[in-house]
N, C-alpha and C. Protein backbone atom coordinates (compact mmCIF):
# COMPACT_ATOMS: atom_id res chain seq x y z
N UNK A 1 117.13 126.66 113.68
CA UNK A 1 117.84 125.43 113.43
C UNK A 1 117.03 124.25 113.98
N UNK A 2 116.74 124.29 115.27
CA UNK A 2 115.93 123.24 115.86
C UNK A 2 114.57 123.80 116.19
N UNK A 3 113.57 123.23 115.68
CA UNK A 3 112.21 123.65 116.01
C UNK A 3 111.52 122.49 116.71
N UNK A 4 110.72 122.84 117.67
CA UNK A 4 109.99 121.83 118.41
C UNK A 4 108.56 121.77 117.87
N UNK A 5 108.00 120.60 117.86
CA UNK A 5 106.61 120.44 117.46
C UNK A 5 105.69 120.68 118.65
N UNK A 6 106.28 120.93 119.80
CA UNK A 6 105.51 121.12 121.01
C UNK A 6 104.75 122.45 120.94
N UNK A 7 103.49 122.40 121.28
CA UNK A 7 102.68 123.62 121.33
C UNK A 7 102.74 124.17 122.75
N UNK A 8 103.20 125.41 122.86
CA UNK A 8 103.30 126.05 124.17
C UNK A 8 102.05 126.87 124.42
N UNK A 9 101.57 126.83 125.65
CA UNK A 9 100.37 127.59 126.05
C UNK A 9 100.82 128.73 126.97
N UNK A 10 101.53 129.70 126.38
CA UNK A 10 102.10 130.79 127.17
C UNK A 10 101.03 131.70 127.73
N UNK A 11 101.23 132.13 128.98
CA UNK A 11 100.36 133.10 129.62
C UNK A 11 101.15 133.79 130.72
N UNK A 12 100.73 135.00 131.05
CA UNK A 12 101.36 135.72 132.16
C UNK A 12 100.91 135.06 133.46
N UNK A 13 101.83 134.67 134.30
CA UNK A 13 101.47 133.85 135.44
C UNK A 13 100.64 134.53 136.52
N UNK A 14 100.90 135.78 136.82
CA UNK A 14 100.19 136.38 137.95
C UNK A 14 100.47 135.59 139.23
N UNK A 15 99.58 135.66 140.20
CA UNK A 15 99.72 134.89 141.42
C UNK A 15 99.07 133.53 141.20
N UNK A 16 99.85 132.48 141.37
CA UNK A 16 99.39 131.14 141.06
C UNK A 16 98.88 130.40 142.29
N UNK A 17 97.83 129.63 142.08
CA UNK A 17 97.33 128.70 143.10
C UNK A 17 98.00 127.35 142.79
N UNK A 18 98.51 126.73 143.82
CA UNK A 18 99.26 125.48 143.64
C UNK A 18 98.31 124.30 143.71
N UNK A 19 98.23 123.50 142.62
CA UNK A 19 97.37 122.31 142.65
C UNK A 19 97.93 121.23 143.60
N UNK A 20 97.05 120.40 144.08
CA UNK A 20 97.42 119.37 145.05
C UNK A 20 98.50 118.42 144.48
N UNK A 21 98.40 118.05 143.21
CA UNK A 21 99.38 117.11 142.66
C UNK A 21 100.78 117.72 142.59
N UNK A 22 100.89 119.04 142.49
CA UNK A 22 102.19 119.70 142.51
C UNK A 22 102.70 119.76 143.95
N UNK A 23 101.83 120.12 144.87
CA UNK A 23 102.21 120.16 146.29
C UNK A 23 102.76 118.81 146.78
N UNK A 24 102.20 117.72 146.26
CA UNK A 24 102.64 116.40 146.67
C UNK A 24 104.03 116.05 146.15
N UNK A 25 104.40 116.58 145.01
CA UNK A 25 105.66 116.19 144.36
C UNK A 25 106.82 117.15 144.61
N UNK A 26 106.52 118.41 144.86
CA UNK A 26 107.58 119.40 145.01
C UNK A 26 107.78 119.68 146.51
N UNK A 27 108.97 119.41 147.03
CA UNK A 27 109.19 119.62 148.46
C UNK A 27 109.26 121.12 148.79
N UNK A 28 108.85 121.45 149.98
CA UNK A 28 108.89 122.82 150.48
C UNK A 28 110.25 123.06 151.12
N UNK A 29 111.02 123.95 150.54
CA UNK A 29 112.37 124.20 151.03
C UNK A 29 112.35 124.77 152.45
N UNK A 30 111.35 125.58 152.75
CA UNK A 30 111.25 126.12 154.10
C UNK A 30 111.02 125.03 155.13
N UNK A 31 110.10 124.13 154.83
CA UNK A 31 109.83 123.01 155.73
C UNK A 31 111.02 122.09 155.86
N UNK A 32 111.69 121.81 154.76
CA UNK A 32 112.89 120.97 154.78
C UNK A 32 113.95 121.60 155.68
N UNK A 33 114.18 122.89 155.49
CA UNK A 33 115.20 123.58 156.26
C UNK A 33 114.85 123.59 157.75
N UNK A 34 113.61 123.89 158.08
CA UNK A 34 113.18 123.93 159.48
C UNK A 34 113.37 122.57 160.13
N UNK A 35 112.95 121.51 159.46
CA UNK A 35 113.07 120.16 160.02
C UNK A 35 114.55 119.82 160.27
N UNK A 36 115.41 120.16 159.32
CA UNK A 36 116.82 119.85 159.46
C UNK A 36 117.50 120.74 160.49
N UNK A 37 117.28 122.04 160.40
CA UNK A 37 118.04 123.00 161.21
C UNK A 37 117.63 122.99 162.68
N UNK A 38 116.42 122.62 162.99
CA UNK A 38 115.98 122.69 164.38
C UNK A 38 116.28 121.44 165.19
N UNK A 39 116.85 120.42 164.56
CA UNK A 39 117.15 119.17 165.28
C UNK A 39 118.03 119.38 166.50
N UNK A 40 119.04 120.24 166.38
CA UNK A 40 120.01 120.42 167.46
C UNK A 40 119.77 121.69 168.26
N UNK A 41 118.60 122.31 168.09
CA UNK A 41 118.34 123.57 168.77
C UNK A 41 117.43 123.38 169.98
N UNK A 42 117.56 124.28 170.93
CA UNK A 42 116.62 124.32 172.05
C UNK A 42 115.25 124.73 171.50
N UNK A 43 114.18 124.40 172.19
CA UNK A 43 112.84 124.73 171.69
C UNK A 43 112.64 126.22 171.39
N UNK A 44 113.17 127.11 172.23
CA UNK A 44 113.00 128.54 171.98
C UNK A 44 113.76 128.98 170.73
N UNK A 45 114.96 128.40 170.52
CA UNK A 45 115.72 128.71 169.32
C UNK A 45 115.03 128.16 168.07
N UNK A 46 114.46 126.96 168.20
CA UNK A 46 113.75 126.34 167.07
C UNK A 46 112.55 127.19 166.68
N UNK A 47 111.81 127.69 167.66
CA UNK A 47 110.65 128.54 167.36
C UNK A 47 111.08 129.84 166.66
N UNK A 48 112.19 130.39 167.12
CA UNK A 48 112.69 131.63 166.52
C UNK A 48 113.10 131.40 165.06
N UNK A 49 113.78 130.31 164.82
CA UNK A 49 114.20 129.99 163.45
C UNK A 49 112.99 129.71 162.56
N UNK A 50 112.05 128.95 163.09
CA UNK A 50 110.82 128.64 162.34
C UNK A 50 110.06 129.92 162.01
N UNK A 51 110.00 130.82 162.94
CA UNK A 51 109.31 132.10 162.73
C UNK A 51 110.03 132.92 161.64
N UNK A 52 111.35 132.92 161.66
CA UNK A 52 112.13 133.66 160.66
C UNK A 52 111.88 133.10 159.26
N UNK A 53 111.84 131.79 159.15
CA UNK A 53 111.60 131.15 157.84
C UNK A 53 110.17 131.39 157.39
N UNK A 54 109.22 131.10 158.26
CA UNK A 54 107.81 131.22 157.89
C UNK A 54 107.40 132.66 157.64
N UNK A 55 108.07 133.61 158.27
CA UNK A 55 107.79 135.02 158.05
C UNK A 55 108.18 135.51 156.66
N UNK A 56 108.95 134.73 155.95
CA UNK A 56 109.39 135.10 154.60
C UNK A 56 108.57 134.43 153.51
N UNK A 57 107.59 133.65 153.88
CA UNK A 57 106.77 132.95 152.88
C UNK A 57 105.90 133.94 152.12
N UNK A 58 105.53 133.59 150.91
CA UNK A 58 104.65 134.44 150.12
C UNK A 58 103.20 134.05 150.34
N UNK A 59 102.27 134.73 149.68
CA UNK A 59 100.85 134.52 149.90
C UNK A 59 100.41 133.09 149.68
N UNK A 60 101.04 132.38 148.74
CA UNK A 60 100.61 131.01 148.45
C UNK A 60 101.17 130.00 149.45
N UNK A 61 101.93 130.46 150.44
CA UNK A 61 102.45 129.59 151.48
C UNK A 61 103.82 129.00 151.19
N UNK A 62 104.34 129.25 150.00
CA UNK A 62 105.64 128.68 149.63
C UNK A 62 106.74 129.68 149.89
N UNK A 63 107.97 129.19 149.91
CA UNK A 63 109.12 130.01 150.24
C UNK A 63 109.76 130.55 148.95
N UNK A 64 109.67 131.88 148.73
CA UNK A 64 110.27 132.47 147.54
C UNK A 64 111.76 132.74 147.77
N UNK A 65 112.58 132.46 146.79
CA UNK A 65 114.02 132.64 146.96
C UNK A 65 114.43 134.11 147.08
N UNK A 66 113.62 135.04 146.57
CA UNK A 66 113.97 136.44 146.69
C UNK A 66 114.07 136.88 148.14
N UNK A 67 113.40 136.19 149.04
CA UNK A 67 113.45 136.57 150.45
C UNK A 67 114.81 136.30 151.06
N UNK A 68 115.68 135.62 150.31
CA UNK A 68 117.04 135.36 150.79
C UNK A 68 118.08 136.30 150.16
N UNK A 69 117.62 137.18 149.28
CA UNK A 69 118.55 138.06 148.57
C UNK A 69 119.45 138.86 149.48
N UNK A 70 118.95 139.29 150.62
CA UNK A 70 119.74 140.11 151.52
C UNK A 70 120.59 139.28 152.48
N UNK A 71 120.46 137.98 152.43
CA UNK A 71 121.15 137.10 153.39
C UNK A 71 122.60 136.84 153.00
N UNK A 72 122.84 136.52 151.75
CA UNK A 72 124.18 136.10 151.36
C UNK A 72 124.40 134.64 151.70
N UNK A 73 125.50 134.09 151.29
CA UNK A 73 125.73 132.67 151.53
C UNK A 73 127.02 132.38 152.27
N UNK A 74 127.66 133.39 152.80
CA UNK A 74 128.92 133.18 153.52
C UNK A 74 128.86 133.83 154.90
N UNK A 75 129.43 133.19 155.85
CA UNK A 75 129.62 133.78 157.17
C UNK A 75 128.52 133.50 158.18
N UNK A 76 128.93 133.03 159.33
CA UNK A 76 127.99 132.74 160.40
C UNK A 76 127.32 134.01 160.92
N UNK A 77 127.96 135.13 160.77
CA UNK A 77 127.42 136.36 161.35
C UNK A 77 126.10 136.75 160.75
N UNK A 78 125.76 136.22 159.60
CA UNK A 78 124.47 136.52 158.99
C UNK A 78 123.36 135.63 159.56
N UNK A 79 123.71 134.68 160.36
CA UNK A 79 122.71 133.83 160.99
C UNK A 79 122.43 132.55 160.25
N UNK A 80 121.51 131.77 160.78
CA UNK A 80 121.23 130.45 160.22
C UNK A 80 120.60 130.47 158.83
N UNK A 81 119.98 131.58 158.45
CA UNK A 81 119.40 131.63 157.11
C UNK A 81 120.47 131.63 156.03
N UNK A 82 121.71 131.89 156.42
CA UNK A 82 122.83 131.77 155.50
C UNK A 82 122.89 130.35 154.92
N UNK A 83 122.59 129.37 155.79
CA UNK A 83 122.61 127.98 155.33
C UNK A 83 121.47 127.69 154.37
N UNK A 84 120.33 128.34 154.57
CA UNK A 84 119.21 128.19 153.64
C UNK A 84 119.56 128.81 152.31
N UNK A 85 120.23 129.95 152.32
CA UNK A 85 120.67 130.60 151.07
C UNK A 85 121.66 129.70 150.34
N UNK A 86 122.59 129.11 151.09
CA UNK A 86 123.58 128.22 150.49
C UNK A 86 122.88 126.96 149.93
N UNK A 87 121.89 126.46 150.67
CA UNK A 87 121.19 125.25 150.28
C UNK A 87 120.43 125.45 148.97
N UNK A 88 119.91 126.63 148.72
CA UNK A 88 119.09 126.90 147.54
C UNK A 88 119.85 127.55 146.39
N UNK A 89 121.15 127.70 146.53
CA UNK A 89 121.94 128.39 145.51
C UNK A 89 121.83 127.76 144.12
N UNK A 90 121.71 126.45 144.04
CA UNK A 90 121.62 125.77 142.74
C UNK A 90 120.19 125.60 142.24
N UNK A 91 119.21 125.96 143.04
CA UNK A 91 117.81 125.75 142.68
C UNK A 91 117.40 126.42 141.37
N UNK A 92 117.84 127.66 141.09
CA UNK A 92 117.46 128.26 139.80
C UNK A 92 117.94 127.44 138.61
N UNK A 93 119.16 126.93 138.68
CA UNK A 93 119.68 126.11 137.57
C UNK A 93 118.91 124.80 137.45
N UNK A 94 118.56 124.20 138.57
CA UNK A 94 117.83 122.94 138.55
C UNK A 94 116.45 123.15 137.94
N UNK A 95 115.74 124.18 138.39
CA UNK A 95 114.40 124.46 137.88
C UNK A 95 114.45 124.81 136.40
N UNK A 96 115.40 125.65 136.01
CA UNK A 96 115.49 126.05 134.61
C UNK A 96 115.82 124.86 133.70
N UNK A 97 116.74 124.00 134.12
CA UNK A 97 117.08 122.83 133.31
C UNK A 97 115.87 121.93 133.13
N UNK A 98 115.11 121.72 134.19
CA UNK A 98 113.90 120.89 134.12
C UNK A 98 112.85 121.54 133.23
N UNK A 99 112.65 122.83 133.41
CA UNK A 99 111.59 123.55 132.69
C UNK A 99 111.84 123.65 131.19
N UNK A 100 113.10 123.62 130.80
CA UNK A 100 113.44 123.85 129.38
C UNK A 100 113.94 122.62 128.65
N UNK A 101 113.73 121.45 129.23
CA UNK A 101 114.15 120.22 128.56
C UNK A 101 113.56 120.20 127.15
N UNK A 102 114.41 119.93 126.16
CA UNK A 102 114.02 119.82 124.75
C UNK A 102 113.49 121.10 124.12
N UNK A 103 113.78 122.24 124.70
CA UNK A 103 113.42 123.52 124.08
C UNK A 103 114.67 124.20 123.56
N UNK A 104 114.50 125.05 122.57
CA UNK A 104 115.62 125.77 121.97
C UNK A 104 115.23 127.21 121.71
N UNK A 105 116.22 128.06 121.58
CA UNK A 105 116.02 129.44 121.15
C UNK A 105 115.18 130.27 122.08
N UNK A 106 114.31 131.08 121.48
CA UNK A 106 113.49 132.04 122.21
C UNK A 106 112.55 131.36 123.20
N UNK A 107 112.00 130.22 122.81
CA UNK A 107 111.10 129.49 123.71
C UNK A 107 111.84 129.07 124.97
N UNK A 108 113.04 128.54 124.80
CA UNK A 108 113.84 128.12 125.94
C UNK A 108 114.15 129.29 126.85
N UNK A 109 114.54 130.40 126.26
CA UNK A 109 114.88 131.58 127.04
C UNK A 109 113.68 132.11 127.81
N UNK A 110 112.53 132.18 127.17
CA UNK A 110 111.34 132.72 127.82
C UNK A 110 110.84 131.80 128.94
N UNK A 111 110.77 130.51 128.66
CA UNK A 111 110.30 129.56 129.67
C UNK A 111 111.26 129.56 130.87
N UNK A 112 112.55 129.51 130.60
CA UNK A 112 113.55 129.52 131.67
C UNK A 112 113.49 130.78 132.52
N UNK A 113 113.39 131.92 131.87
CA UNK A 113 113.34 133.19 132.59
C UNK A 113 112.07 133.31 133.44
N UNK A 114 110.93 132.92 132.88
CA UNK A 114 109.68 133.01 133.65
C UNK A 114 109.67 132.03 134.80
N UNK A 115 110.16 130.82 134.57
CA UNK A 115 110.22 129.82 135.66
C UNK A 115 111.10 130.33 136.79
N UNK A 116 112.24 130.92 136.47
CA UNK A 116 113.11 131.45 137.52
C UNK A 116 112.50 132.66 138.21
N UNK A 117 111.82 133.50 137.45
CA UNK A 117 111.13 134.64 138.06
C UNK A 117 110.10 134.15 139.08
N UNK A 118 109.35 133.14 138.71
CA UNK A 118 108.35 132.58 139.63
C UNK A 118 109.01 131.92 140.84
N UNK A 119 110.12 131.24 140.62
CA UNK A 119 110.87 130.62 141.73
C UNK A 119 111.24 131.68 142.75
N UNK A 120 111.71 132.82 142.29
CA UNK A 120 112.13 133.88 143.19
C UNK A 120 110.96 134.63 143.81
N UNK A 121 109.84 134.76 143.09
CA UNK A 121 108.70 135.52 143.58
C UNK A 121 107.68 134.69 144.35
N UNK A 122 107.44 133.43 143.91
CA UNK A 122 106.36 132.64 144.49
C UNK A 122 106.76 131.23 144.94
N UNK A 123 108.01 130.87 144.72
CA UNK A 123 108.50 129.57 145.21
C UNK A 123 108.55 128.48 144.16
N UNK A 124 109.09 127.35 144.58
CA UNK A 124 109.33 126.20 143.71
C UNK A 124 108.05 125.66 143.07
N UNK A 125 107.02 125.51 143.88
CA UNK A 125 105.76 124.92 143.39
C UNK A 125 105.08 125.81 142.36
N UNK A 126 105.16 127.12 142.52
CA UNK A 126 104.56 128.03 141.54
C UNK A 126 105.28 127.93 140.21
N UNK A 127 106.60 127.87 140.24
CA UNK A 127 107.36 127.72 139.00
C UNK A 127 106.97 126.42 138.29
N UNK A 128 106.89 125.33 139.06
CA UNK A 128 106.52 124.04 138.47
C UNK A 128 105.09 124.06 137.94
N UNK A 129 104.19 124.70 138.66
CA UNK A 129 102.79 124.80 138.23
C UNK A 129 102.68 125.50 136.88
N UNK A 130 103.37 126.63 136.75
CA UNK A 130 103.32 127.40 135.52
C UNK A 130 103.93 126.60 134.36
N UNK A 131 105.07 126.00 134.59
CA UNK A 131 105.73 125.23 133.51
C UNK A 131 104.84 124.08 133.06
N UNK A 132 104.23 123.39 133.99
CA UNK A 132 103.34 122.27 133.62
C UNK A 132 102.14 122.77 132.80
N UNK A 133 101.62 123.94 133.12
CA UNK A 133 100.49 124.49 132.36
C UNK A 133 100.91 124.97 130.97
N UNK A 134 102.09 125.54 130.88
CA UNK A 134 102.60 126.07 129.60
C UNK A 134 103.05 124.95 128.68
N UNK A 135 103.55 123.85 129.23
CA UNK A 135 104.11 122.76 128.44
C UNK A 135 103.36 121.44 128.68
N UNK A 136 102.06 121.39 128.43
CA UNK A 136 101.30 120.17 128.75
C UNK A 136 101.70 118.96 127.90
N UNK A 137 102.29 119.19 126.74
CA UNK A 137 102.68 118.08 125.86
C UNK A 137 104.09 117.57 126.13
N UNK A 138 104.80 118.21 127.03
CA UNK A 138 106.21 117.86 127.27
C UNK A 138 106.40 116.65 128.17
N UNK A 139 105.36 116.21 128.85
CA UNK A 139 105.46 115.07 129.77
C UNK A 139 106.58 115.27 130.79
N UNK A 140 106.67 116.48 131.34
CA UNK A 140 107.67 116.78 132.35
C UNK A 140 107.31 116.06 133.65
N UNK A 141 108.30 115.57 134.32
CA UNK A 141 108.09 114.80 135.55
C UNK A 141 108.27 115.70 136.77
N UNK A 142 107.20 115.92 137.50
CA UNK A 142 107.29 116.65 138.76
C UNK A 142 108.13 115.88 139.76
N UNK A 143 108.05 114.55 139.71
CA UNK A 143 108.85 113.72 140.60
C UNK A 143 110.34 113.95 140.37
N UNK A 144 110.74 114.02 139.12
CA UNK A 144 112.15 114.26 138.78
C UNK A 144 112.61 115.60 139.36
N UNK A 145 111.80 116.65 139.16
CA UNK A 145 112.17 117.96 139.71
C UNK A 145 112.24 117.90 141.23
N UNK A 146 111.24 117.35 141.86
CA UNK A 146 111.23 117.27 143.32
C UNK A 146 112.41 116.51 143.87
N UNK A 147 112.72 115.38 143.27
CA UNK A 147 113.86 114.57 143.72
C UNK A 147 115.19 115.30 143.50
N UNK A 148 115.32 116.00 142.38
CA UNK A 148 116.54 116.76 142.09
C UNK A 148 116.77 117.85 143.13
N UNK A 149 115.70 118.58 143.45
CA UNK A 149 115.81 119.63 144.48
C UNK A 149 116.17 119.03 145.83
N UNK A 150 115.45 117.99 146.21
CA UNK A 150 115.66 117.33 147.50
C UNK A 150 117.09 116.79 147.63
N UNK A 151 117.57 116.15 146.58
CA UNK A 151 118.93 115.59 146.59
C UNK A 151 119.96 116.70 146.76
N UNK A 152 119.77 117.81 146.06
CA UNK A 152 120.69 118.93 146.19
C UNK A 152 120.69 119.49 147.60
N UNK A 153 119.51 119.65 148.19
CA UNK A 153 119.44 120.17 149.56
C UNK A 153 120.11 119.23 150.54
N UNK A 154 119.88 117.93 150.37
CA UNK A 154 120.52 116.95 151.25
C UNK A 154 122.03 116.99 151.12
N UNK A 155 122.54 117.15 149.89
CA UNK A 155 123.98 117.23 149.69
C UNK A 155 124.57 118.42 150.42
N UNK A 156 123.90 119.55 150.35
CA UNK A 156 124.42 120.76 151.00
C UNK A 156 124.37 120.62 152.51
N UNK A 157 123.23 120.19 153.06
CA UNK A 157 123.14 120.10 154.52
C UNK A 157 124.04 118.99 155.06
N UNK A 158 124.40 118.05 154.22
CA UNK A 158 125.33 117.01 154.63
C UNK A 158 126.72 117.54 154.94
N UNK A 159 127.00 118.76 154.48
CA UNK A 159 128.32 119.36 154.72
C UNK A 159 128.33 120.26 155.94
N UNK A 160 127.18 120.40 156.59
CA UNK A 160 127.06 121.30 157.74
C UNK A 160 126.84 120.48 159.01
N UNK A 161 127.57 120.83 160.06
CA UNK A 161 127.41 120.16 161.34
C UNK A 161 126.26 120.80 162.11
N UNK A 162 125.49 120.00 162.86
CA UNK A 162 124.40 120.57 163.65
C UNK A 162 124.85 121.68 164.58
N UNK A 163 126.06 121.56 165.12
CA UNK A 163 126.53 122.61 166.04
C UNK A 163 126.76 123.93 165.30
N UNK A 164 127.00 123.88 163.98
CA UNK A 164 127.15 125.12 163.22
C UNK A 164 125.86 125.93 163.21
N UNK A 165 124.74 125.23 163.12
CA UNK A 165 123.43 125.92 163.15
C UNK A 165 123.21 126.53 164.51
N UNK A 166 123.48 125.76 165.56
CA UNK A 166 123.30 126.28 166.93
C UNK A 166 124.18 127.51 167.15
N UNK A 167 125.40 127.46 166.67
CA UNK A 167 126.31 128.59 166.80
C UNK A 167 125.79 129.80 166.03
N UNK A 168 125.27 129.56 164.84
CA UNK A 168 124.74 130.66 164.03
C UNK A 168 123.52 131.30 164.69
N UNK A 169 122.68 130.50 165.32
CA UNK A 169 121.50 131.04 166.02
C UNK A 169 121.96 131.88 167.22
N UNK A 170 122.93 131.39 167.96
CA UNK A 170 123.43 132.16 169.11
C UNK A 170 124.00 133.51 168.66
N UNK A 171 124.78 133.51 167.60
CA UNK A 171 125.38 134.76 167.10
C UNK A 171 124.31 135.66 166.50
N UNK A 172 123.30 135.08 165.95
CA UNK A 172 122.19 135.83 165.36
C UNK A 172 121.49 136.66 166.43
N UNK A 173 121.42 136.12 167.62
CA UNK A 173 120.69 136.77 168.72
C UNK A 173 121.50 137.85 169.45
N UNK A 174 122.74 138.04 169.07
CA UNK A 174 123.57 139.06 169.76
C UNK A 174 123.20 140.43 169.33
């Protein structure tokens, strides 16, 4: 019904190297979370939380969402990474919507699925890198994606009190 004149340059992504222009525009969810969550923590607690987040990074240095699969998004008993899981819950929808703007049918499904696979395996920047390479004629805005992710994370952390993080870290250590 709807066909796009856009030429797609599809390829199997493999492990992606993140270009500097993507790194500049796409925020690192791990870094964002560490900066926010450690504000109200003692230095030893902050180091422990930072270590937990950084220990889940993939080879390219970015935070893959699959590392949160075992965390869940409810309950303090799972620890402070529960808030990171809650913070990133909408990220797949945000990335997919951005990646598939003006696409229809099989192209939309394939681009969306691969972008989300990369988001879970290699992080936000890898997904954006692949989409930009596959859709060079689409004039997709990395700034738009970065701002959308950042706004969503800020909205979620705005609902959490700093003492909730401290309490979660204390319970995590029991």
